[in-house]
């Protein structure tokens, strides 16, 4: 659900999103949808079976970036990057879509 995240909770936002993600989402036409979409993509990446801290994985280490054409991508940092490299992940693509009330994200990793 688009309203699942409290984007007014700065502690939550800063703990889970990079500075670049925050800047992008705050400038978006619909910041709520933008934050929720990125959050969903991070959660999907966590569920791909790459050994990490699971539910305790630092979501700031999974950065959802926007390319020049607006296509989302994944940049990994820290433990998330190390876990993906150890698992043999060569790359990950993501797709994020949202409507009036729902958001969906899909991630596919190549090994």
PDB file of N, CA and C in Angstrom:
ATOM      1  N   UNK A   1       0.839  -1.178   0.000  1.00  0.00           N
ATOM      2  CA  UNK A   1       0.000   0.000   0.000  1.00  0.00           C
ATOM      3  C   UNK A   1       0.887   1.245   0.000  1.00  0.00           C
ATOM      4  N   UNK A   2       0.508   2.225  -0.767  1.00  0.00           N
ATOM      5  CA  UNK A   2       1.316   3.441  -0.885  1.00  0.00           C
ATOM      6  C   UNK A   2       1.496   4.175   0.434  1.00  0.00           C
ATOM      7  N   UNK A   3       0.535   4.064   1.327  1.00  0.00           N
ATOM      8  CA  UNK A   3       0.644   4.796   2.589  1.00  0.00           C
ATOM      9  C   UNK A   3       1.299   3.971   3.693  1.00  0.00           C
ATOM     10  N   UNK A   4       1.957   2.867   3.331  1.00  0.00           N
ATOM     11  CA  UNK A   4       2.567   1.980   4.321  1.00  0.00           C
ATOM     12  C   UNK A   4       3.759   2.615   5.032  1.00  0.00           C
ATOM     13  N   UNK A   5       4.416   3.561   4.400  1.00  0.00           N
ATOM     14  CA  UNK A   5       5.583   4.208   5.003  1.00  0.00           C
ATOM     15  C   UNK A   5       5.224   5.591   5.514  1.00  0.00           C
ATOM     16  N   UNK A   6       5.753   5.922   6.690  1.00  0.00           N
ATOM     17  CA  UNK A   6       5.593   7.273   7.230  1.00  0.00           C
ATOM     18  C   UNK A   6       6.794   8.089   6.769  1.00  0.00           C
ATOM     19  N   UNK A   7       6.638   8.803   5.661  1.00  0.00           N
ATOM     20  CA  UNK A   7       7.774   9.542   5.109  1.00  0.00           C
ATOM     21  C   UNK A   7       8.063  10.820   5.881  1.00  0.00           C
ATOM     22  N   UNK A   8       7.247  11.130   6.877  1.00  0.00           N
ATOM     23  CA  UNK A   8       7.513  12.285   7.731  1.00  0.00           C
ATOM     24  C   UNK A   8       8.403  11.919   8.912  1.00  0.00           C
ATOM     25  N   UNK A   9       8.691  10.634   9.092  1.00  0.00           N
ATOM     26  CA  UNK A   9       9.561  10.164  10.167  1.00  0.00           C
ATOM     27  C   UNK A   9      11.007  10.206   9.660  1.00  0.00           C
ATOM     28  N   UNK A  10      11.692  11.306   9.927  1.00  0.00           N
ATOM     29  CA  UNK A  10      13.050  11.509   9.400  1.00  0.00           C
ATOM     30  C   UNK A  10      14.028  10.445   9.874  1.00  0.00           C
ATOM     31  N   UNK A  11      13.882   9.968  11.110  1.00  0.00           N
ATOM     32  CA  UNK A  11      14.780   8.925  11.613  1.00  0.00           C
ATOM     33  C   UNK A  11      14.653   7.673  10.755  1.00  0.00           C
ATOM     34  N   UNK A  12      13.431   7.273  10.463  1.00  0.00           N
ATOM     35  CA  UNK A  12      13.186   6.103   9.620  1.00  0.00           C
ATOM     36  C   UNK A  12      13.765   6.314   8.223  1.00  0.00           C
ATOM     37  N   UNK A  13      13.494   7.468   7.645  1.00  0.00           N
ATOM     38  CA  UNK A  13      13.959   7.761   6.287  1.00  0.00           C
ATOM     39  C   UNK A  13      15.485   7.728   6.228  1.00  0.00           C
ATOM     40  N   UNK A  14      16.151   8.393   7.152  1.00  0.00           N
ATOM     41  CA  UNK A  14      17.616   8.456   7.131  1.00  0.00           C
ATOM     42  C   UNK A  14      18.256   7.111   7.437  1.00  0.00           C
ATOM     43  N   UNK A  15      17.581   6.254   8.180  1.00  0.00           N
ATOM     44  CA  UNK A  15      18.117   4.936   8.511  1.00  0.00           C
ATOM     45  C   UNK A  15      18.017   3.979   7.326  1.00  0.00           C
ATOM     46  N   UNK A  16      17.045   4.197   6.447  1.00  0.00           N
ATOM     47  CA  UNK A  16      16.757   3.222   5.401  1.00  0.00           C
ATOM     48  C   UNK A  16      17.034   3.668   3.977  1.00  0.00           C
ATOM     49  N   UNK A  17      17.311   4.945   3.770  1.00  0.00           N
ATOM     50  CA  UNK A  17      17.543   5.464   2.427  1.00  0.00           C
ATOM     51  C   UNK A  17      18.844   6.255   2.386  1.00  0.00           C
ATOM     52  N   UNK A  18      19.538   6.190   1.251  1.00  0.00           N
ATOM     53  CA  UNK A  18      20.763   6.971   1.080  1.00  0.00           C
ATOM     54  C   UNK A  18      20.394   8.436   0.839  1.00  0.00           C
ATOM     55  N   UNK A  19      21.389   9.301   0.951  1.00  0.00           N
ATOM     56  CA  UNK A  19      21.156  10.731   0.698  1.00  0.00           C
ATOM     57  C   UNK A  19      20.639  10.953  -0.722  1.00  0.00           C
ATOM     58  N   UNK A  20      21.173  10.206  -1.679  1.00  0.00           N
ATOM     59  CA  UNK A  20      20.725  10.328  -3.062  1.00  0.00           C
ATOM     60  C   UNK A  20      19.274   9.903  -3.239  1.00  0.00           C
ATOM     61  N   UNK A  21      18.895   8.810  -2.592  1.00  0.00           N
ATOM     62  CA  UNK A  21      17.507   8.352  -2.673  1.00  0.00           C
ATOM     63  C   UNK A  21      16.559   9.372  -2.045  1.00  0.00           C
ATOM     64  N   UNK A  22      16.961   9.914  -0.906  1.00  0.00           N
ATOM     65  CA  UNK A  22      16.121  10.899  -0.215  1.00  0.00           C
ATOM     66  C   UNK A  22      15.915  12.124  -1.097  1.00  0.00           C
ATOM     67  N   UNK A  23      17.002  12.631  -1.678  1.00  0.00           N
ATOM     68  CA  UNK A  23      16.899  13.812  -2.541  1.00  0.00           C
ATOM     69  C   UNK A  23      15.983  13.531  -3.729  1.00  0.00           C
ATOM     70  N   UNK A  24      16.156  12.375  -4.358  1.00  0.00           N
ATOM     71  CA  UNK A  24      15.326  12.006  -5.511  1.00  0.00           C
ATOM     72  C   UNK A  24      13.851  11.935  -5.121  1.00  0.00           C
ATOM     73  N   UNK A  25      13.563  11.234  -4.033  1.00  0.00           N
ATOM     74  CA  UNK A  25      12.169  11.039  -3.620  1.00  0.00           C
ATOM     75  C   UNK A  25      11.508  12.344  -3.194  1.00  0.00           C
ATOM     76  N   UNK A  26      12.244  13.192  -2.499  1.00  0.00           N
ATOM     77  CA  UNK A  26      11.666  14.464  -2.035  1.00  0.00           C
ATOM     78  C   UNK A  26      11.307  15.373  -3.216  1.00  0.00           C
ATOM     79  N   UNK A  27      12.053  15.258  -4.339  1.00  0.00           N
ATOM     80  CA  UNK A  27      11.791  16.085  -5.524  1.00  0.00           C
ATOM     81  C   UNK A  27      10.710  15.495  -6.426  1.00  0.00           C
ATOM     82  N   UNK A  28      10.351  14.241  -6.194  1.00  0.00           N
ATOM     83  CA  UNK A  28       9.387  13.558  -7.063  1.00  0.00           C
ATOM     84  C   UNK A  28       8.010  14.208  -6.979  1.00  0.00           C
ATOM     85  N   UNK A  29       7.237  14.051  -8.039  1.00  0.00           N
ATOM     86  CA  UNK A  29       5.871  14.588  -8.051  1.00  0.00           C
ATOM     87  C   UNK A  29       5.041  13.990  -6.922  1.00  0.00           C
ATOM     88  N   UNK A  30       5.292  12.724  -6.584  1.00  0.00           N
ATOM     89  CA  UNK A  30       4.596  12.043  -5.493  1.00  0.00           C
ATOM     90  C   UNK A  30       5.644  11.392  -4.592  1.00  0.00           C
ATOM     91  N   UNK A  31       6.192  12.139  -3.614  1.00  0.00           N
ATOM     92  CA  UNK A  31       7.230  11.589  -2.745  1.00  0.00           C
ATOM     93  C   UNK A  31       6.806  10.302  -2.037  1.00  0.00           C
ATOM     94  N   UNK A  32       5.555  10.218  -1.621  1.00  0.00           N
ATOM     95  CA  UNK A  32       5.077   9.012  -0.933  1.00  0.00           C
ATOM     96  C   UNK A  32       5.238   7.790  -1.833  1.00  0.00           C
ATOM     97  N   UNK A  33       4.803   7.894  -3.076  1.00  0.00           N
ATOM     98  CA  UNK A  33       4.916   6.784  -4.019  1.00  0.00           C
ATOM     99  C   UNK A  33       6.379   6.469  -4.318  1.00  0.00           C
ATOM    100  N   UNK A  34       7.202   7.486  -4.419  1.00  0.00           N
ATOM    101  CA  UNK A  34       8.613   7.284  -4.728  1.00  0.00           C
ATOM    102  C   UNK A  34       9.331   6.545  -3.598  1.00  0.00           C
ATOM    103  N   UNK A  35       9.149   6.997  -2.361  1.00  0.00           N
ATOM    104  CA  UNK A  35       9.762   6.309  -1.218  1.00  0.00           C
ATOM    105  C   UNK A  35       9.242   4.877  -1.097  1.00  0.00           C
ATOM    106  N   UNK A  36       7.932   4.693  -1.243  1.00  0.00           N
ATOM    107  CA  UNK A  36       7.350   3.361  -1.096  1.00  0.00           C
ATOM    108  C   UNK A  36       7.845   2.426  -2.194  1.00  0.00           C
ATOM    109  N   UNK A  37       7.984   2.921  -3.408  1.00  0.00           N
ATOM    110  CA  UNK A  37       8.506   2.106  -4.498  1.00  0.00           C
ATOM    111  C   UNK A  37       9.939   1.670  -4.251  1.00  0.00           C
ATOM    112  N   UNK A  38      10.774   2.602  -3.821  1.00  0.00           N
ATOM    113  CA  UNK A  38      12.173   2.255  -3.539  1.00  0.00           C
ATOM    114  C   UNK A  38      12.256   1.267  -2.376  1.00  0.00           C
ATOM    115  N   UNK A  39      11.438   1.486  -1.338  1.00  0.00           N
ATOM    116  CA  UNK A  39      11.410   0.575  -0.186  1.00  0.00           C
ATOM    117  C   UNK A  39      11.041  -0.837  -0.656  1.00  0.00           C
ATOM    118  N   UNK A  40      10.024  -0.933  -1.491  1.00  0.00           N
ATOM    119  CA  UNK A  40       9.578  -2.234  -1.996  1.00  0.00           C
ATOM    120  C   UNK A  40      10.678  -2.926  -2.788  1.00  0.00           C
ATOM    121  N   UNK A  41      11.385  -2.179  -3.622  1.00  0.00           N
ATOM    122  CA  UNK A  41      12.473  -2.761  -4.408  1.00  0.00           C
ATOM    123  C   UNK A  41      13.600  -3.252  -3.506  1.00  0.00           C
ATOM    124  N   UNK A  42      13.908  -2.520  -2.446  1.00  0.00           N
ATOM    125  CA  UNK A  42      14.937  -2.955  -1.492  1.00  0.00           C
ATOM    126  C   UNK A  42      14.517  -4.268  -0.831  1.00  0.00           C
ATOM    127  N   UNK A  43      13.253  -4.349  -0.412  1.00  0.00           N
ATOM    128  CA  UNK A  43      12.748  -5.559   0.234  1.00  0.00           C
ATOM    129  C   UNK A  43      12.771  -6.744  -0.726  1.00  0.00           C
ATOM    130  N   UNK A  44      12.432  -6.510  -1.986  1.00  0.00           N
ATOM    131  CA  UNK A  44      12.467  -7.581  -2.978  1.00  0.00           C
ATOM    132  C   UNK A  44      13.898  -8.072  -3.152  1.00  0.00           C
ATOM    133  N   UNK A  45      14.851  -7.150  -3.239  1.00  0.00           N
ATOM    134  CA  UNK A  45      16.245  -7.572  -3.394  1.00  0.00           C
ATOM    135  C   UNK A  45      16.670  -8.432  -2.209  1.00  0.00           C
ATOM    136  N   UNK A  46      16.278  -8.034  -1.000  1.00  0.00           N
ATOM    137  CA  UNK A  46      16.619  -8.818   0.194  1.00  0.00           C
ATOM    138  C   UNK A  46      16.088 -10.238   0.101  1.00  0.00           C
ATOM    139  N   UNK A  47      14.984 -10.438  -0.596  1.00  0.00           N
ATOM    140  CA  UNK A  47      14.348 -11.754  -0.648  1.00  0.00           C
ATOM    141  C   UNK A  47      14.899 -12.651  -1.759  1.00  0.00           C
ATOM    142  N   UNK A  48      15.912 -12.207  -2.491  1.00  0.00           N
ATOM    143  CA  UNK A  48      16.428 -12.989  -3.618  1.00  0.00           C
ATOM    144  C   UNK A  48      17.264 -14.189  -3.203  1.00  0.00           C
ATOM    145  N   UNK A  49      17.474 -14.366  -1.921  1.00  0.00           N
ATOM    146  CA  UNK A  49      18.217 -15.526  -1.472  1.00  0.00           C
ATOM    147  C   UNK A  49      19.703 -15.286  -1.331  1.00  0.00           C
ATOM    148  N   UNK A  50      20.142 -14.039  -1.437  1.00  0.00           N
ATOM    149  CA  UNK A  50      21.546 -13.723  -1.202  1.00  0.00           C
ATOM    150  C   UNK A  50      21.751 -13.705   0.303  1.00  0.00           C
ATOM    151  N   UNK A  51      22.669 -14.544   0.776  1.00  0.00           N
ATOM    152  CA  UNK A  51      22.890 -14.639   2.214  1.00  0.00           C
ATOM    153  C   UNK A  51      23.320 -13.285   2.769  1.00  0.00           C
ATOM    154  N   UNK A  52      22.571 -12.814   3.722  1.00  0.00           N
ATOM    155  CA  UNK A  52      22.895 -11.560   4.404  1.00  0.00           C
ATOM    156  C   UNK A  52      22.266 -11.649   5.778  1.00  0.00           C
ATOM    157  N   UNK A  53      22.009 -10.525   6.371  1.00  0.00           N
ATOM    158  CA  UNK A  53      21.382 -10.543   7.683  1.00  0.00           C
ATOM    159  C   UNK A  53      19.864 -10.626   7.582  1.00  0.00           C
ATOM    160  N   UNK A  54      19.330 -10.977   6.418  1.00  0.00           N
ATOM    161  CA  UNK A  54      17.887 -11.135   6.256  1.00  0.00           C
ATOM    162  C   UNK A  54      17.136  -9.892   6.662  1.00  0.00           C
ATOM    163  N   UNK A  55      16.190 -10.042   7.580  1.00  0.00           N
ATOM    164  CA  UNK A  55      15.379  -8.921   8.028  1.00  0.00           C
ATOM    165  C   UNK A  55      16.189  -7.833   8.691  1.00  0.00           C
ATOM    166  N   UNK A  56      17.400  -8.169   9.158  1.00  0.00           N
ATOM    167  CA  UNK A  56      18.245  -7.174   9.808  1.00  0.00           C
ATOM    168  C   UNK A  56      19.210  -6.480   8.862  1.00  0.00           C
ATOM    169  N   UNK A  57      19.114  -6.793   7.577  1.00  0.00           N
ATOM    170  CA  UNK A  57      20.014  -6.173   6.606  1.00  0.00           C
ATOM    171  C   UNK A  57      19.776  -4.672   6.558  1.00  0.00           C
ATOM    172  N   UNK A  58      20.852  -3.945   6.481  1.00  0.00           N
ATOM    173  CA  UNK A  58      20.746  -2.486   6.418  1.00  0.00           C
ATOM    174  C   UNK A  58      20.254  -2.076   5.035  1.00  0.00           C
ATOM    175  N   UNK A  59      19.053  -1.517   4.974  1.00  0.00           N
ATOM    176  CA  UNK A  59      18.487  -1.163   3.677  1.00  0.00           C
ATOM    177  C   UNK A  59      19.225  -0.017   3.006  1.00  0.00           C
ATOM    178  N   UNK A  60      19.963   0.780   3.766  1.00  0.00           N
ATOM    179  CA  UNK A  60      20.767   1.832   3.135  1.00  0.00           C
ATOM    180  C   UNK A  60      21.860   1.235   2.267  1.00  0.00           C
ATOM    181  N   UNK A  61      22.237  -0.019   2.531  1.00  0.00           N
ATOM    182  CA  UNK A  61      23.269  -0.678   1.732  1.00  0.00           C
ATOM    183  C   UNK A  61      22.734  -1.157   0.386  1.00  0.00           C
ATOM    184  N   UNK A  62      21.418  -1.175   0.235  1.00  0.00           N
ATOM    185  CA  UNK A  62      20.767  -1.524  -1.028  1.00  0.00           C
ATOM    186  C   UNK A  62      20.186  -0.228  -1.570  1.00  0.00           C
ATOM    187  N   UNK A  63      20.883   0.370  -2.527  1.00  0.00           N
ATOM    188  CA  UNK A  63      20.471   1.676  -3.047  1.00  0.00           C
ATOM    189  C   UNK A  63      19.763   1.508  -4.387  1.00  0.00           C
ATOM    190  N   UNK A  64      18.566   2.066  -4.474  1.00  0.00           N
ATOM    191  CA  UNK A  64      17.815   2.048  -5.725  1.00  0.00           C
ATOM    192  C   UNK A  64      18.090   3.372  -6.426  1.00  0.00           C
ATOM    193  N   UNK A  65      18.770   3.292  -7.547  1.00  0.00           N
ATOM    194  CA  UNK A  65      19.178   4.490  -8.283  1.00  0.00           C
ATOM    195  C   UNK A  65      18.321   4.629  -9.540  1.00  0.00           C
ATOM    196  N   UNK A  66      18.287   5.829 -10.079  1.00  0.00           N
ATOM    197  CA  UNK A  66      17.552   6.077 -11.318  1.00  0.00           C
ATOM    198  C   UNK A  66      18.541   6.461 -12.403  1.00  0.00           C
ATOM    199  N   UNK A  67      18.490   5.729 -13.503  1.00  0.00           N
ATOM    200  CA  UNK A  67      19.365   6.031 -14.625  1.00  0.00           C
ATOM    201  C   UNK A  67      18.917   7.284 -15.350  1.00  0.00           C
ATOM    202  N   UNK A  68      19.663   7.669 -16.357  1.00  0.00           N
ATOM    203  CA  UNK A  68      19.369   8.882 -17.123  1.00  0.00           C
ATOM    204  C   UNK A  68      17.974   8.856 -17.740  1.00  0.00           C
ATOM    205  N   UNK A  69      17.496   7.668 -18.081  1.00  0.00           N
ATOM    206  CA  UNK A  69      16.169   7.558 -18.690  1.00  0.00           C
ATOM    207  C   UNK A  69      15.077   7.286 -17.658  1.00  0.00           C
ATOM    208  N   UNK A  70      15.454   7.253 -16.379  1.00  0.00           N
ATOM    209  CA  UNK A  70      14.484   7.005 -15.317  1.00  0.00           C
ATOM    210  C   UNK A  70      14.331   5.542 -14.946  1.00  0.00           C
ATOM    211  N   UNK A  71      15.028   4.657 -15.655  1.00  0.00           N
ATOM    212  CA  UNK A  71      14.953   3.231 -15.355  1.00  0.00           C
ATOM    213  C   UNK A  71      15.680   2.967 -14.038  1.00  0.00           C
ATOM    214  N   UNK A  72      15.029   2.277 -13.084  1.00  0.00           N
ATOM    215  CA  UNK A  72      15.688   2.029 -11.803  1.00  0.00           C
ATOM    216  C   UNK A  72      16.778   0.972 -11.915  1.00  0.00           C
ATOM    217  N   UNK A  73      17.749   1.080 -11.038  1.00  0.00           N
ATOM    218  CA  UNK A  73      18.824   0.111 -10.947  1.00  0.00           C
ATOM    219  C   UNK A  73      19.191  -0.091  -9.494  1.00  0.00           C
ATOM    220  N   UNK A  74      20.088  -1.033  -9.233  1.00  0.00           N
ATOM    221  CA  UNK A  74      20.510  -1.345  -7.870  1.00  0.00           C
ATOM    222  C   UNK A  74      22.008  -1.117  -7.753  1.00  0.00           C
ATOM    223  N   UNK A  75      22.409  -0.373  -6.726  1.00  0.00           N
ATOM    224  CA  UNK A  75      23.813  -0.224  -6.366  1.00  0.00           C
ATOM    225  C   UNK A  75      23.956  -0.733  -4.939  1.00  0.00           C
ATOM    226  N   UNK A  76      24.855  -1.691  -4.749  1.00  0.00           N
ATOM    227  CA  UNK A  76      25.039  -2.281  -3.425  1.00  0.00           C
ATOM    228  C   UNK A  76      26.263  -1.700  -2.741  1.00  0.00           C
ATOM    229  N   UNK A  77      26.184  -1.625  -1.422  1.00  0.00           N
ATOM    230  CA  UNK A  77      27.273  -1.104  -0.607  1.00  0.00           C
ATOM    231  C   UNK A  77      27.509  -2.051   0.571  1.00  0.00           C
ATOM    232  N   UNK A  78      28.685  -1.976   1.174  1.00  0.00           N
ATOM    233  CA  UNK A  78      28.969  -2.663   2.432  1.00  0.00           C
ATOM    234  C   UNK A  78      28.696  -4.152   2.418  1.00  0.00           C
ATOM    235  N   UNK A  79      28.023  -4.623   3.494  1.00  0.00           N
ATOM    236  CA  UNK A  79      27.747  -6.047   3.655  1.00  0.00           C
ATOM    237  C   UNK A  79      26.848  -6.595   2.555  1.00  0.00           C
ATOM    238  N   UNK A  80      25.913  -5.792   2.072  1.00  0.00           N
ATOM    239  CA  UNK A  80      25.031  -6.258   0.991  1.00  0.00           C
ATOM    240  C   UNK A  80      25.848  -6.542  -0.268  1.00  0.00           C
ATOM    241  N   UNK A  81      26.804  -5.681  -0.569  1.00  0.00           N
ATOM    242  CA  UNK A  81      27.662  -5.879  -1.741  1.00  0.00           C
ATOM    243  C   UNK A  81      28.527  -7.119  -1.561  1.00  0.00           C
ATOM    244  N   UNK A  82      29.114  -7.270  -0.378  1.00  0.00           N
ATOM    245  CA  UNK A  82      29.964  -8.430  -0.106  1.00  0.00           C
ATOM    246  C   UNK A  82      29.168  -9.728  -0.200  1.00  0.00           C
ATOM    247  N   UNK A  83      27.950  -9.748   0.330  1.00  0.00           N
ATOM    248  CA  UNK A  83      27.113 -10.949   0.285  1.00  0.00           C
ATOM    249  C   UNK A  83      26.734 -11.292  -1.149  1.00  0.00           C
ATOM    250  N   UNK A  84      26.408 -10.285  -1.950  1.00  0.00           N
ATOM    251  CA  UNK A  84      26.044 -10.527  -3.348  1.00  0.00           C
ATOM    252  C   UNK A  84      27.239 -11.063  -4.130  1.00  0.00           C
ATOM    253  N   UNK A  85      28.417 -10.483  -3.898  1.00  0.00           N
ATOM    254  CA  UNK A  85      29.623 -10.961  -4.581  1.00  0.00           C
ATOM    255  C   UNK A  85      29.925 -12.400  -4.191  1.00  0.00           C
ATOM    256  N   UNK A  86      29.790 -12.713  -2.896  1.00  0.00           N
ATOM    257  CA  UNK A  86      30.045 -14.071  -2.407  1.00  0.00           C
ATOM    258  C   UNK A  86      29.080 -15.065  -3.052  1.00  0.00           C
ATOM    259  N   UNK A  87      27.831 -14.637  -3.268  1.00  0.00           N
ATOM    260  CA  UNK A  87      26.821 -15.507  -3.875  1.00  0.00           C
ATOM    261  C   UNK A  87      26.981 -15.610  -5.387  1.00  0.00           C
ATOM    262  N   UNK A  88      27.836 -14.776  -5.976  1.00  0.00           N
ATOM    263  CA  UNK A  88      28.054 -14.813  -7.411  1.00  0.00           C
ATOM    264  C   UNK A  88      27.092 -13.965  -8.223  1.00  0.00           C
ATOM    265  N   UNK A  89      26.447 -12.997  -7.580  1.00  0.00           N
ATOM    266  CA  UNK A  89      25.526 -12.116  -8.303  1.00  0.00           C
ATOM    267  C   UNK A  89      26.333 -11.237  -9.252  1.00  0.00           C
ATOM    268  N   UNK A  90      25.985 -11.285 -10.532  1.00  0.00           N
ATOM    269  CA  UNK A  90      26.676 -10.480 -11.542  1.00  0.00           C
ATOM    270  C   UNK A  90      25.970  -9.157 -11.787  1.00  0.00           C
ATOM    271  N   UNK A  91      24.676  -9.128 -11.583  1.00  0.00           N
ATOM    272  CA  UNK A  91      23.907  -7.906 -11.786  1.00  0.00           C
ATOM    273  C   UNK A  91      22.470  -8.117 -11.356  1.00  0.00           C
ATOM    274  N   UNK A  92      21.791  -7.032 -11.111  1.00  0.00           N
ATOM    275  CA  UNK A  92      20.386  -7.093 -10.714  1.00  0.00           C
ATOM    276  C   UNK A  92      19.619  -6.002 -11.438  1.00  0.00           C
ATOM    277  N   UNK A  93      18.465  -6.363 -11.973  1.00  0.00           N
ATOM    278  CA  UNK A  93      17.576  -5.371 -12.560  1.00  0.00           C
ATOM    279  C   UNK A  93      16.320  -5.303 -11.700  1.00  0.00           C
ATOM    280  N   UNK A  94      15.737  -4.126 -11.635  1.00  0.00           N
ATOM    281  CA  UNK A  94      14.508  -3.951 -10.868  1.00  0.00           C
ATOM    282  C   UNK A  94      13.486  -3.205 -11.709  1.00  0.00           C
ATOM    283  N   UNK A  95      12.242  -3.449 -11.386  1.00  0.00           N
ATOM    284  CA  UNK A  95      11.136  -2.719 -11.989  1.00  0.00           C
ATOM    285  C   UNK A  95      10.207  -2.309 -10.857  1.00  0.00           C
ATOM    286  N   UNK A  96       9.783  -1.055 -10.875  1.00  0.00           N
ATOM    287  CA  UNK A  96       8.897  -0.525  -9.840  1.00  0.00           C
ATOM    288  C   UNK A  96       7.702   0.118 -10.532  1.00  0.00           C
ATOM    289  N   UNK A  97       6.514  -0.189 -10.047  1.00  0.00           N
ATOM    290  CA  UNK A  97       5.309   0.422 -10.592  1.00  0.00           C
ATOM    291  C   UNK A  97       4.362   0.754  -9.449  1.00  0.00           C
ATOM    292  N   UNK A  98       3.667   1.868  -9.577  1.00  0.00           N
ATOM    293  CA  UNK A  98       2.675   2.209  -8.556  1.00  0.00           C
ATOM    294  C   UNK A  98       1.482   2.882  -9.200  1.00  0.00           C
ATOM    295  N   UNK A  99       0.335   2.652  -8.578  1.00  0.00           N
ATOM    296  CA  UNK A  99      -0.912   3.267  -9.013  1.00  0.00           C
ATOM    297  C   UNK A  99      -1.434   4.156  -7.899  1.00  0.00           C
ATOM    298  N   UNK A 100      -2.732   4.301  -7.838  1.00  0.00           N
ATOM    299  CA  UNK A 100      -3.325   5.178  -6.832  1.00  0.00           C
ATOM    300  C   UNK A 100      -3.133   4.669  -5.406  1.00  0.00           C
ATOM    301  N   UNK A 101      -3.151   3.343  -5.215  1.00  0.00           N
ATOM    302  CA  UNK A 101      -3.117   2.821  -3.851  1.00  0.00           C
ATOM    303  C   UNK A 101      -2.087   1.723  -3.623  1.00  0.00           C
ATOM    304  N   UNK A 102      -1.515   1.161  -4.676  1.00  0.00           N
ATOM    305  CA  UNK A 102      -0.624   0.016  -4.537  1.00  0.00           C
ATOM    306  C   UNK A 102       0.715   0.269  -5.216  1.00  0.00           C
ATOM    307  N   UNK A 103       1.717  -0.459  -4.741  1.00  0.00           N
ATOM    308  CA  UNK A 103       3.034  -0.419  -5.368  1.00  0.00           C
ATOM    309  C   UNK A 103       3.509  -1.858  -5.538  1.00  0.00           C
ATOM    310  N   UNK A 104       4.237  -2.112  -6.626  1.00  0.00           N
ATOM    311  CA  UNK A 104       4.802  -3.435  -6.857  1.00  0.00           C
ATOM    312  C   UNK A 104       6.240  -3.254  -7.333  1.00  0.00           C
ATOM    313  N   UNK A 105       7.099  -4.150  -6.882  1.00  0.00           N
ATOM    314  CA  UNK A 105       8.495  -4.128  -7.315  1.00  0.00           C
ATOM    315  C   UNK A 105       8.922  -5.558  -7.626  1.00  0.00           C
ATOM    316  N   UNK A 106       9.736  -5.696  -8.658  1.00  0.00           N
ATOM    317  CA  UNK A 106      10.271  -6.988  -9.073  1.00  0.00           C
ATOM    318  C   UNK A 106      11.771  -6.824  -9.235  1.00  0.00           C
ATOM    319  N   UNK A 107      12.532  -7.801  -8.758  1.00  0.00           N
ATOM    320  CA  UNK A 107      13.988  -7.778  -8.922  1.00  0.00           C
ATOM    321  C   UNK A 107      14.431  -9.118  -9.498  1.00  0.00           C
ATOM    322  N   UNK A 108      15.354  -9.061 -10.440  1.00  0.00           N
ATOM    323  CA  UNK A 108      15.918 -10.266 -11.041  1.00  0.00           C
ATOM    324  C   UNK A 108      17.433 -10.127 -11.008  1.00  0.00           C
ATOM    325  N   UNK A 109      18.086 -11.114 -10.398  1.00  0.00           N
ATOM    326  CA  UNK A 109      19.548 -11.121 -10.355  1.00  0.00           C
ATOM    327  C   UNK A 109      20.078 -12.155 -11.326  1.00  0.00           C
ATOM    328  N   UNK A 110      21.205 -11.834 -11.952  1.00  0.00           N
ATOM    329  CA  UNK A 110      21.892 -12.798 -12.803  1.00  0.00           C
ATOM    330  C   UNK A 110      23.114 -13.296 -12.051  1.00  0.00           C
ATOM    331  N   UNK A 111      23.393 -14.600 -12.217  1.00  0.00           N
ATOM    332  CA  UNK A 111      24.513 -15.230 -11.515  1.00  0.00           C
ATOM    333  C   UNK A 111      25.508 -15.760 -12.507  1.00  0.00           C
TER     334      UNK A 111
END
